[in-house]
PDB file of N, CA and C in Angstrom:
ATOM      1  N   UNK A   1     142.581 140.289 120.812  1.00  0.00           N
ATOM      2  CA  UNK A   1     141.726 139.112 120.771  1.00  0.00           C
ATOM      3  C   UNK A   1     141.240 138.834 119.349  1.00  0.00           C
ATOM      4  N   UNK A   2     141.013 139.872 118.587  1.00  0.00           N
ATOM      5  CA  UNK A   2     140.496 139.669 117.240  1.00  0.00           C
ATOM      6  C   UNK A   2     141.517 138.981 116.356  1.00  0.00           C
ATOM      7  N   UNK A   3     142.801 139.094 116.693  1.00  0.00           N
ATOM      8  CA  UNK A   3     143.829 138.428 115.887  1.00  0.00           C
ATOM      9  C   UNK A   3     143.804 136.912 116.082  1.00  0.00           C
ATOM     10  N   UNK A   4     143.306 136.500 117.227  1.00  0.00           N
ATOM     11  CA  UNK A   4     143.202 135.061 117.470  1.00  0.00           C
ATOM     12  C   UNK A   4     142.270 134.405 116.459  1.00  0.00           C
ATOM     13  N   UNK A   5     141.173 135.103 116.099  1.00  0.00           N
ATOM     14  CA  UNK A   5     140.211 134.543 115.158  1.00  0.00           C
ATOM     15  C   UNK A   5     140.722 134.598 113.723  1.00  0.00           C
ATOM     16  N   UNK A   6     141.816 135.303 113.503  1.00  0.00           N
ATOM     17  CA  UNK A   6     142.452 135.243 112.190  1.00  0.00           C
ATOM     18  C   UNK A   6     143.243 133.944 112.033  1.00  0.00           C
ATOM     19  N   UNK A   7     143.670 133.377 113.166  1.00  0.00           N
ATOM     20  CA  UNK A   7     144.401 132.107 113.117  1.00  0.00           C
ATOM     21  C   UNK A   7     143.451 130.907 113.046  1.00  0.00           C
ATOM     22  N   UNK A   8     142.325 131.002 113.759  1.00  0.00           N
ATOM     23  CA  UNK A   8     141.366 129.896 113.820  1.00  0.00           C
ATOM     24  C   UNK A   8     140.081 130.290 113.119  1.00  0.00           C
ATOM     25  N   UNK A   9     139.505 129.335 112.403  1.00  0.00           N
ATOM     26  CA  UNK A   9     138.197 129.551 111.792  1.00  0.00           C
ATOM     27  C   UNK A   9     137.145 129.490 112.897  1.00  0.00           C
ATOM     28  N   UNK A  10     136.355 130.540 113.087  1.00  0.00           N
ATOM     29  CA  UNK A  10     135.392 130.547 114.201  1.00  0.00           C
ATOM     30  C   UNK A  10     134.375 129.411 114.131  1.00  0.00           C
ATOM     31  N   UNK A  11     133.926 129.052 112.929  1.00  0.00           N
ATOM     32  CA  UNK A  11     132.953 127.960 112.818  1.00  0.00           C
ATOM     33  C   UNK A  11     133.535 126.642 113.290  1.00  0.00           C
ATOM     34  N   UNK A  12     134.747 126.340 112.846  1.00  0.00           N
ATOM     35  CA  UNK A  12     135.366 125.072 113.238  1.00  0.00           C
ATOM     36  C   UNK A  12     135.702 125.060 114.719  1.00  0.00           C
ATOM     37  N   UNK A  13     136.134 126.205 115.245  1.00  0.00           N
ATOM     38  CA  UNK A  13     136.468 126.277 116.670  1.00  0.00           C
ATOM     39  C   UNK A  13     135.222 126.077 117.530  1.00  0.00           C
ATOM     40  N   UNK A  14     134.112 126.711 117.160  1.00  0.00           N
ATOM     41  CA  UNK A  14     132.885 126.573 117.948  1.00  0.00           C
ATOM     42  C   UNK A  14     132.283 125.180 117.815  1.00  0.00           C
ATOM     43  N   UNK A  15     132.342 124.600 116.627  1.00  0.00           N
ATOM     44  CA  UNK A  15     131.848 123.230 116.452  1.00  0.00           C
ATOM     45  C   UNK A  15     132.694 122.261 117.273  1.00  0.00           C
ATOM     46  N   UNK A  16     133.998 122.461 117.272  1.00  0.00           N
ATOM     47  CA  UNK A  16     134.873 121.620 118.091  1.00  0.00           C
ATOM     48  C   UNK A  16     134.605 121.783 119.575  1.00  0.00           C
ATOM     49  N   UNK A  17     134.388 123.026 120.013  1.00  0.00           N
ATOM     50  CA  UNK A  17     134.095 123.288 121.423  1.00  0.00           C
ATOM     51  C   UNK A  17     132.782 122.643 121.842  1.00  0.00           C
ATOM     52  N   UNK A  18     131.733 122.818 121.044  1.00  0.00           N
ATOM     53  CA  UNK A  18     130.433 122.247 121.390  1.00  0.00           C
ATOM     54  C   UNK A  18     130.452 120.719 121.326  1.00  0.00           C
ATOM     55  N   UNK A  19     131.204 120.153 120.404  1.00  0.00           N
ATOM     56  CA  UNK A  19     131.334 118.696 120.340  1.00  0.00           C
ATOM     57  C   UNK A  19     132.029 118.170 121.586  1.00  0.00           C
ATOM     58  N   UNK A  20     133.110 118.838 121.990  1.00  0.00           N
ATOM     59  CA  UNK A  20     133.825 118.433 123.198  1.00  0.00           C
ATOM     60  C   UNK A  20     132.923 118.528 124.426  1.00  0.00           C
ATOM     61  N   UNK A  21     132.173 119.613 124.552  1.00  0.00           N
ATOM     62  CA  UNK A  21     131.299 119.782 125.712  1.00  0.00           C
ATOM     63  C   UNK A  21     130.172 118.750 125.720  1.00  0.00           C
ATOM     64  N   UNK A  22     129.647 118.406 124.551  1.00  0.00           N
ATOM     65  CA  UNK A  22     128.594 117.398 124.471  1.00  0.00           C
ATOM     66  C   UNK A  22     129.118 116.026 124.882  1.00  0.00           C
ATOM     67  N   UNK A  23     130.298 115.664 124.407  1.00  0.00           N
ATOM     68  CA  UNK A  23     130.887 114.375 124.769  1.00  0.00           C
ATOM     69  C   UNK A  23     131.205 114.349 126.262  1.00  0.00           C
ATOM     70  N   UNK A  24     131.702 115.454 126.796  1.00  0.00           N
ATOM     71  CA  UNK A  24     131.981 115.532 128.228  1.00  0.00           C
ATOM     72  C   UNK A  24     130.703 115.367 129.048  1.00  0.00           C
ATOM     73  N   UNK A  25     129.618 115.989 128.605  1.00  0.00           N
ATOM     74  CA  UNK A  25     128.338 115.854 129.311  1.00  0.00           C
ATOM     75  C   UNK A  25     127.841 114.413 129.264  1.00  0.00           C
ATOM     76  N   UNK A  26     127.985 113.748 128.127  1.00  0.00           N
ATOM     77  CA  UNK A  26     127.577 112.335 128.035  1.00  0.00           C
ATOM     78  C   UNK A  26     128.393 111.455 128.975  1.00  0.00           C
ATOM     79  N   UNK A  27     129.693 111.686 129.024  1.00  0.00           N
ATOM     80  CA  UNK A  27     130.552 110.889 129.901  1.00  0.00           C
ATOM     81  C   UNK A  27     130.159 111.096 131.356  1.00  0.00           C
ATOM     82  N   UNK A  28     129.921 112.344 131.754  1.00  0.00           N
ATOM     83  CA  UNK A  28     129.532 112.625 133.137  1.00  0.00           C
ATOM     84  C   UNK A  28     128.200 111.956 133.467  1.00  0.00           C
ATOM     85  N   UNK A  29     127.237 112.022 132.559  1.00  0.00           N
ATOM     86  CA  UNK A  29     125.935 111.414 132.830  1.00  0.00           C
ATOM     87  C   UNK A  29     126.032 109.892 132.911  1.00  0.00           C
ATOM     88  N   UNK A  30     126.832 109.273 132.060  1.00  0.00           N
ATOM     89  CA  UNK A  30     126.977 107.822 132.137  1.00  0.00           C
ATOM     90  C   UNK A  30     127.706 107.401 133.407  1.00  0.00           C
ATOM     91  N   UNK A  31     128.657 108.206 133.858  1.00  0.00           N
ATOM     92  CA  UNK A  31     129.314 107.904 135.130  1.00  0.00           C
ATOM     93  C   UNK A  31     128.306 107.994 136.267  1.00  0.00           C
ATOM     94  N   UNK A  32     127.458 109.015 136.242  1.00  0.00           N
ATOM     95  CA  UNK A  32     126.446 109.148 137.292  1.00  0.00           C
ATOM     96  C   UNK A  32     125.423 108.023 137.229  1.00  0.00           C
ATOM     97  N   UNK A  33     125.069 107.580 136.034  1.00  0.00           N
ATOM     98  CA  UNK A  33     124.115 106.474 135.914  1.00  0.00           C
ATOM     99  C   UNK A  33     124.692 105.159 136.427  1.00  0.00           C
ATOM    100  N   UNK A  34     126.004 105.033 136.446  1.00  0.00           N
ATOM    101  CA  UNK A  34     126.606 103.792 136.920  1.00  0.00           C
ATOM    102  C   UNK A  34     126.695 103.738 138.436  1.00  0.00           C
ATOM    103  N   UNK A  35     126.428 104.851 139.128  1.00  0.00           N
ATOM    104  CA  UNK A  35     126.470 104.842 140.586  1.00  0.00           C
ATOM    105  C   UNK A  35     125.101 104.474 141.142  1.00  0.00           C
ATOM    106  N   UNK A  36     125.094 104.025 142.371  1.00  0.00           N
ATOM    107  CA  UNK A  36     123.841 103.635 143.016  1.00  0.00           C
ATOM    108  C   UNK A  36     123.055 104.865 143.466  1.00  0.00           C
ATOM    109  N   UNK A  37     123.748 105.889 143.902  1.00  0.00           N
ATOM    110  CA  UNK A  37     123.065 107.058 144.460  1.00  0.00           C
ATOM    111  C   UNK A  37     122.419 107.935 143.395  1.00  0.00           C
ATOM    112  N   UNK A  38     123.064 108.089 142.254  1.00  0.00           N
ATOM    113  CA  UNK A  38     122.593 109.038 141.249  1.00  0.00           C
ATOM    114  C   UNK A  38     121.977 108.383 140.024  1.00  0.00           C
ATOM    115  N   UNK A  39     121.574 107.115 140.105  1.00  0.00           N
ATOM    116  CA  UNK A  39     120.925 106.453 138.984  1.00  0.00           C
ATOM    117  C   UNK A  39     119.441 106.814 139.012  1.00  0.00           C
ATOM    118  N   UNK A  40     119.045 107.760 138.193  1.00  0.00           N
ATOM    119  CA  UNK A  40     117.672 108.253 138.201  1.00  0.00           C
ATOM    120  C   UNK A  40     116.754 107.425 137.308  1.00  0.00           C
ATOM    121  N   UNK A  41     117.279 106.484 136.553  1.00  0.00           N
ATOM    122  CA  UNK A  41     116.442 105.652 135.692  1.00  0.00           C
ATOM    123  C   UNK A  41     115.913 104.425 136.431  1.00  0.00           C
ATOM    124  N   UNK A  42     116.788 103.692 137.081  1.00  0.00           N
ATOM    125  CA  UNK A  42     116.382 102.463 137.763  1.00  0.00           C
ATOM    126  C   UNK A  42     116.107 102.688 139.240  1.00  0.00           C
ATOM    127  N   UNK A  43     116.525 103.788 139.786  1.00  0.00           N
ATOM    128  CA  UNK A  43     116.381 104.018 141.216  1.00  0.00           C
ATOM    129  C   UNK A  43     117.488 103.305 141.967  1.00  0.00           C
ATOM    130  N   UNK A  44     117.560 103.528 143.262  1.00  0.00           N
ATOM    131  CA  UNK A  44     118.626 102.876 144.029  1.00  0.00           C
ATOM    132  C   UNK A  44     118.403 101.376 144.114  1.00  0.00           C
ATOM    133  N   UNK A  45     119.478 100.647 143.979  1.00  0.00           N
ATOM    134  CA  UNK A  45     119.419  99.195 144.113  1.00  0.00           C
ATOM    135  C   UNK A  45     119.355  98.843 145.595  1.00  0.00           C
ATOM    136  N   UNK A  46     118.662  97.769 145.941  1.00  0.00           N
ATOM    137  CA  UNK A  46     118.644  97.378 147.358  1.00  0.00           C
ATOM    138  C   UNK A  46     120.043  96.977 147.810  1.00  0.00           C
ATOM    139  N   UNK A  47     120.349  97.325 149.030  1.00  0.00           N
ATOM    140  CA  UNK A  47     121.674  97.017 149.562  1.00  0.00           C
ATOM    141  C   UNK A  47     121.818  95.508 149.720  1.00  0.00           C
ATOM    142  N   UNK A  48     122.991  95.031 149.409  1.00  0.00           N
ATOM    143  CA  UNK A  48     123.262  93.605 149.542  1.00  0.00           C
ATOM    144  C   UNK A  48     123.363  93.263 151.024  1.00  0.00           C
ATOM    145  N   UNK A  49     122.688  92.209 151.410  1.00  0.00           N
ATOM    146  CA  UNK A  49     122.747  91.796 152.812  1.00  0.00           C
ATOM    147  C   UNK A  49     123.959  90.911 153.011  1.00  0.00           C
ATOM    148  N   UNK A  50     124.712  91.218 154.031  1.00  0.00           N
ATOM    149  CA  UNK A  50     125.906  90.439 154.327  1.00  0.00           C
ATOM    150  C   UNK A  50     125.515  89.217 155.143  1.00  0.00           C
ATOM    151  N   UNK A  51     126.164  88.126 154.870  1.00  0.00           N
ATOM    152  CA  UNK A  51     125.900  86.906 155.627  1.00  0.00           C
ATOM    153  C   UNK A  51     126.522  87.049 157.010  1.00  0.00           C
ATOM    154  N   UNK A  52     125.712  86.815 158.020  1.00  0.00           N
ATOM    155  CA  UNK A  52     126.189  86.938 159.393  1.00  0.00           C
ATOM    156  C   UNK A  52     126.406  85.537 159.941  1.00  0.00           C
ATOM    157  N   UNK A  53     127.591  85.306 160.424  1.00  0.00           N
ATOM    158  CA  UNK A  53     127.910  84.011 161.028  1.00  0.00           C
ATOM    159  C   UNK A  53     127.865  84.204 162.538  1.00  0.00           C
ATOM    160  N   UNK A  54     126.965  83.498 163.167  1.00  0.00           N
ATOM    161  CA  UNK A  54     126.860  83.632 164.626  1.00  0.00           C
ATOM    162  C   UNK A  54     127.720  82.566 165.284  1.00  0.00           C
ATOM    163  N   UNK A  55     128.539  83.016 166.192  1.00  0.00           N
ATOM    164  CA  UNK A  55     129.405  82.111 166.942  1.00  0.00           C
ATOM    165  C   UNK A  55     128.867  82.067 168.364  1.00  0.00           C
ATOM    166  N   UNK A  56     128.582  80.891 168.870  1.00  0.00           N
ATOM    167  CA  UNK A  56     128.069  80.839 170.239  1.00  0.00           C
ATOM    168  C   UNK A  56     129.120  81.326 171.227  1.00  0.00           C
ATOM    169  N   UNK A  57     128.676  82.143 172.152  1.00  0.00           N
ATOM    170  CA  UNK A  57     129.592  82.671 173.157  1.00  0.00           C
ATOM    171  C   UNK A  57     129.925  81.572 174.150  1.00  0.00           C
ATOM    172  N   UNK A  58     131.166  81.563 174.580  1.00  0.00           N
ATOM    173  CA  UNK A  58     131.563  80.552 175.559  1.00  0.00           C
ATOM    174  C   UNK A  58     130.998  80.940 176.919  1.00  0.00           C
ATOM    175  N   UNK A  59     130.633  79.962 177.712  1.00  0.00           N
ATOM    176  CA  UNK A  59     129.993  80.201 178.995  1.00  0.00           C
ATOM    177  C   UNK A  59     130.964  80.624 180.072  1.00  0.00           C
ATOM    178  N   UNK A  60     132.249  80.383 179.884  1.00  0.00           N
ATOM    179  CA  UNK A  60     133.206  80.723 180.933  1.00  0.00           C
ATOM    180  C   UNK A  60     134.049  81.885 180.486  1.00  0.00           C
ATOM    181  N   UNK A  61     134.390  82.726 181.424  1.00  0.00           N
ATOM    182  CA  UNK A  61     135.284  83.841 181.140  1.00  0.00           C
ATOM    183  C   UNK A  61     136.706  83.372 181.366  1.00  0.00           C
ATOM    184  N   UNK A  62     137.592  83.849 180.573  1.00  0.00           N
ATOM    185  CA  UNK A  62     138.985  83.432 180.735  1.00  0.00           C
ATOM    186  C   UNK A  62     139.580  84.136 181.943  1.00  0.00           C
ATOM    187  N   UNK A  63     140.219  83.390 182.793  1.00  0.00           N
ATOM    188  CA  UNK A  63     140.850  83.940 183.997  1.00  0.00           C
ATOM    189  C   UNK A  63     142.329  83.678 183.926  1.00  0.00           C
ATOM    190  N   UNK A  64     143.069  84.551 184.586  1.00  0.00           N
ATOM    191  CA  UNK A  64     144.524  84.380 184.572  1.00  0.00           C
ATOM    192  C   UNK A  64     145.034  84.008 185.912  1.00  0.00           C
TER     193      UNK A  64
END
């Protein structure tokens, strides 16, 4: 394992790793903020009400 660090500079490798993890965490948090369930800043949005079209029922039953 120690030979691996002879190929890579430990400072650059750790800075790259932490940068990648930070960007990944930001992406995950922004994805969660865009959902209705996990948006902890604005809270859940009210559900959109669907327009209901009422059709009057016919008074006679169809017979064969």
